[in-house]
């Protein structure tokens, strides 16, 4: 099971994410925030966005919005943004 082990806010809508397998990437939530749903609307506030935390290996915010680490890992890998550790 893929889990997040570390995150750091790097901008108003970006996070540096590190996964248990040593892979890491900078993830932009701009597309997610642009959806402007009840759950994503608070993320448009950079101060609120920076309150992201890891809960049971997933990316979460205080309003209960969560993204699975596996989904983030897969999307980052598919986009070429995921940096994997050297073998």
Protein backbone atom coordinates (compact mmCIF):
# COMPACT_ATOMS: atom_id res chain seq x y z
CA UNK A 1 0.00 0.00 0.00
CA UNK A 2 1.40 3.38 -1.02
CA UNK A 3 1.51 5.98 1.75
CA UNK A 4 2.70 9.54 2.15
CA UNK A 5 5.44 9.96 4.72
CA UNK A 6 6.22 13.68 4.43
CA UNK A 7 4.76 16.84 2.95
CA UNK A 8 5.82 20.46 2.82
CA UNK A 9 3.99 23.47 1.43
CA UNK A 10 5.99 24.98 -1.43
CA UNK A 11 3.57 27.58 -2.74
CA UNK A 12 -0.01 28.83 -2.58
CA UNK A 13 -1.29 25.66 -4.27
CA UNK A 14 1.69 23.29 -4.32
CA UNK A 15 3.06 20.66 -1.97
CA UNK A 16 6.28 18.69 -1.96
CA UNK A 17 5.25 15.10 -1.31
CA UNK A 18 7.40 12.14 -0.27
CA UNK A 19 6.14 8.57 -0.43
CA UNK A 20 7.13 5.49 1.57
CA UNK A 21 8.94 4.00 -1.45
CA UNK A 22 11.37 6.94 -1.59
CA UNK A 23 9.66 8.59 -4.56
CA UNK A 24 8.91 12.30 -4.32
CA UNK A 25 7.38 15.11 -6.36
CA UNK A 26 5.98 18.60 -6.22
CA UNK A 27 2.22 18.41 -6.74
CA UNK A 28 0.04 21.30 -7.89
CA UNK A 29 -3.56 21.43 -6.73
CA UNK A 30 -4.46 24.17 -9.22
CA UNK A 31 -6.69 21.88 -11.31
CA UNK A 32 -8.39 20.53 -8.21
CA UNK A 33 -8.98 24.01 -6.78
CA UNK A 34 -10.40 25.19 -10.12
CA UNK A 35 -13.23 22.67 -9.74
CA UNK A 36 -14.60 24.99 -7.01
CA UNK A 37 -16.61 22.38 -5.12
CA UNK A 38 -17.75 22.63 -1.51
CA UNK A 39 -14.78 20.50 -0.42
CA UNK A 40 -12.11 22.12 -2.63
CA UNK A 41 -13.17 25.77 -2.27
CA UNK A 42 -11.29 26.25 1.04
CA UNK A 43 -8.06 25.10 -0.65
CA UNK A 44 -8.07 28.29 -2.74
CA UNK A 45 -6.96 30.16 0.40
CA UNK A 46 -3.16 29.69 0.57
CA UNK A 47 -3.20 29.77 4.39
CA UNK A 48 -5.79 27.00 4.48
CA UNK A 49 -4.05 25.01 1.73
CA UNK A 50 -0.85 25.07 3.80
CA UNK A 51 -2.72 23.32 6.64
CA UNK A 52 -2.47 20.03 4.73
CA UNK A 53 -1.44 17.03 6.80
CA UNK A 54 -0.99 13.29 6.51
CA UNK A 55 -3.71 11.08 7.96
CA UNK A 56 -3.28 7.31 7.75
CA UNK A 57 -0.90 7.80 4.82
CA UNK A 58 -3.30 10.01 2.83
CA UNK A 59 -3.19 13.73 2.08
CA UNK A 60 -5.83 15.56 4.13
CA UNK A 61 -7.14 18.96 5.20
CA UNK A 62 -9.12 20.00 8.29
CA UNK A 63 -12.45 20.07 6.41
CA UNK A 64 -12.24 16.29 5.86
CA UNK A 65 -11.13 16.44 2.24
CA UNK A 66 -8.65 13.63 1.51
CA UNK A 67 -6.70 12.33 -1.46
CA UNK A 68 -5.28 8.83 -1.44
CA UNK A 69 -1.53 8.48 -1.66
CA UNK A 70 -1.91 5.75 -4.29
CA UNK A 71 -3.92 8.07 -6.54
CA UNK A 72 -1.44 10.91 -6.14
CA UNK A 73 1.50 8.57 -6.75
CA UNK A 74 -0.10 7.20 -9.93
CA UNK A 75 -1.03 10.63 -11.31
CA UNK A 76 2.41 12.04 -10.59
CA UNK A 77 4.06 9.02 -12.21
CA UNK A 78 1.80 9.25 -15.28
CA UNK A 79 2.61 12.95 -15.69
CA UNK A 80 6.36 12.33 -15.37
CA UNK A 81 6.62 14.46 -12.23
CA UNK A 82 7.42 11.59 -9.83
CA UNK A 83 11.11 11.23 -9.03
CA UNK A 84 12.00 7.69 -8.04
CA UNK A 85 15.10 6.80 -6.02
CA UNK A 86 18.07 5.44 -7.95
CA UNK A 87 18.24 1.64 -7.94
